[in-house]
Amino acid sequence: QVQLVESGGGLVQPGGSLRLSCAASGSIFSTYVMGWYRQAPGKQRELVATINSGGSRKYGDSVMGRFTISGDNAKNTVDLQMNSLKPEDTAVYYCNALVQRFGGRNEYWGQGTQVTVSS
């Protein structure tokens, strides 16, 4: 079993900052990719940011320049530093991981953490 646990969500005013954290635990040999996706009510889930085991990062266009993803491959953790937050960033944020296990690679999702940007 592999479990992803997110933390750090909450309410923040526009222009503020939040830091989300995600930790993967369980029978993991190595982690290939970890990242964050988000989904707002009535909207499709979209890419926020990912980081692979080599440190290569990808960002969604709407967050580029404001959000920074970082990870520790050895610890199977990933953080998302969110700065200059806008009301449009309000969504449930989901941690995602592509993990190598004994039987091969598998993708896992966290339960989601709410981020609300409002004055």
Protein backbone atom coordinates (compact mmCIF):
# COMPACT_ATOMS: atom_id res chain seq x y z
CA GLN A 1 0.00 0.00 0.00
CA VAL A 2 1.15 3.52 -0.86
CA GLN A 3 -0.47 6.53 0.75
CA LEU A 4 -0.06 10.22 -0.02
CA VAL A 5 -0.78 12.67 2.79
CA GLU A 6 -1.16 16.37 2.06
CA SER A 7 -0.94 19.24 4.50
CA GLY A 8 -0.77 23.02 4.51
CA GLY A 9 -4.04 24.01 2.91
CA GLY A 10 -6.23 26.70 4.34
CA LEU A 11 -7.58 30.20 3.96
CA VAL A 12 -5.33 33.02 2.82
CA GLN A 13 -5.90 36.57 1.61
CA PRO A 14 -5.12 37.60 -1.96
CA GLY A 15 -1.43 38.29 -2.35
CA GLY A 16 -0.57 35.97 0.48
CA SER A 17 1.37 32.73 0.55
CA LEU A 18 0.85 29.13 1.49
CA ARG A 19 3.09 26.11 1.48
CA LEU A 20 1.66 22.70 0.74
CA SER A 21 3.46 19.51 1.64
CA CYS A 22 2.94 15.93 0.57
CA ALA A 23 4.55 12.78 1.86
CA ALA A 24 4.34 9.38 0.24
CA SER A 25 4.64 6.36 2.46
CA GLY A 26 4.45 2.63 2.03
CA SER A 27 6.30 0.07 0.00
CA ILE A 28 8.22 2.38 -2.30
CA PHE A 29 11.45 1.52 -4.05
CA SER A 30 11.77 4.92 -5.68
CA THR A 31 9.65 7.83 -6.82
CA TYR A 32 9.68 8.83 -10.47
CA VAL A 33 7.45 11.90 -10.42
CA MET A 34 5.58 13.79 -7.74
CA GLY A 35 3.42 16.82 -8.19
CA TRP A 36 0.30 18.80 -7.56
CA TYR A 37 -2.95 19.12 -9.45
CA ARG A 38 -5.96 21.19 -8.55
CA GLN A 39 -9.66 21.21 -9.23
CA ALA A 40 -12.09 24.05 -8.69
CA PRO A 41 -15.87 23.55 -8.59
CA GLY A 42 -17.21 23.04 -12.08
CA LYS A 43 -13.74 22.85 -13.57
CA GLN A 44 -11.51 20.05 -14.78
CA ARG A 45 -8.54 18.97 -12.78
CA GLU A 46 -5.46 20.79 -14.03
CA LEU A 47 -1.72 20.55 -13.65
CA VAL A 48 -0.16 22.83 -11.08
CA ALA A 49 3.41 21.57 -10.94
CA THR A 50 5.45 18.39 -11.07
CA ILE A 51 9.02 17.44 -10.30
CA ASN A 52 10.76 14.28 -11.40
CA SER A 53 13.55 12.31 -9.79
CA GLY A 54 16.15 14.28 -11.73
CA GLY A 55 14.82 17.59 -10.47
CA SER A 56 13.13 18.66 -13.69
CA ARG A 57 10.10 20.83 -13.02
CA LYS A 58 6.95 21.58 -14.95
CA TYR A 59 4.37 24.24 -14.16
CA GLY A 60 0.93 25.05 -15.34
CA ASP A 61 0.75 28.31 -17.23
CA SER A 62 -1.52 29.93 -14.66
CA VAL A 63 0.92 29.46 -11.79
CA MET A 64 4.27 29.88 -13.49
CA GLY A 65 6.36 32.53 -11.79
CA ARG A 66 4.27 32.43 -8.62
CA PHE A 67 4.51 28.82 -7.45
CA THR A 68 7.63 26.77 -6.82
CA ILE A 69 7.74 23.02 -6.44
CA SER A 70 10.51 21.22 -4.60
CA GLY A 71 11.05 17.64 -3.60
CA ASP A 72 13.20 15.21 -1.75
CA ASN A 73 13.33 12.02 -3.73
CA ALA A 74 15.01 10.07 -0.95
CA LYS A 75 12.21 10.97 1.46
CA ASN A 76 9.40 10.77 -1.12
CA THR A 77 8.14 14.21 -0.26
CA VAL A 78 7.17 17.22 -2.31
CA ASP A 79 6.37 20.80 -1.36
CA LEU A 80 4.56 23.55 -3.21
CA GLN A 81 5.37 27.12 -2.26
CA MET A 82 2.52 29.32 -3.43
CA ASN A 83 3.13 33.06 -3.53
CA SER A 84 1.09 35.99 -4.79
CA LEU A 85 -2.06 33.97 -4.43
CA LYS A 86 -5.15 35.00 -6.34
CA PRO A 87 -8.81 34.16 -5.81
CA GLU A 88 -8.57 32.12 -9.00
CA ASP A 89 -6.19 29.77 -7.19
CA THR A 90 -9.02 28.61 -4.95
CA ALA A 91 -9.37 24.86 -5.46
CA VAL A 92 -8.81 21.48 -3.94
CA TYR A 93 -5.17 20.62 -4.42
CA TYR A 94 -4.24 16.98 -4.93
CA CYS A 95 -0.85 15.41 -4.50
CA ASN A 96 0.14 12.93 -7.19
CA ALA A 97 2.98 10.45 -7.37
CA LEU A 98 4.32 7.98 -9.89
CA VAL A 99 6.04 5.39 -7.76
CA GLN A 100 8.17 2.38 -8.53
CA ARG A 101 7.20 -0.63 -6.46
CA PHE A 102 8.18 -4.26 -6.60
CA GLY A 103 5.64 -5.01 -9.31
CA GLY A 104 6.30 -1.93 -11.39
CA ARG A 105 5.29 1.69 -11.58
CA ASN A 106 1.95 2.86 -10.22
CA GLU A 107 0.25 6.22 -9.90
CA TYR A 108 -1.30 7.39 -6.63
CA TRP A 109 -3.37 10.35 -5.49
CA GLY A 110 -3.83 12.05 -2.17
CA GLN A 111 -7.26 12.89 -0.80
CA GLY A 112 -6.89 16.59 -1.53
CA THR A 113 -6.48 19.70 0.58
CA GLN A 114 -8.59 22.83 0.25
CA VAL A 115 -6.94 26.13 -0.61
CA THR A 116 -9.17 29.18 -0.42
CA VAL A 117 -7.95 32.63 -1.43
CA SER A 118 -10.37 35.29 -0.28
CA SER A 119 -10.47 38.63 1.45
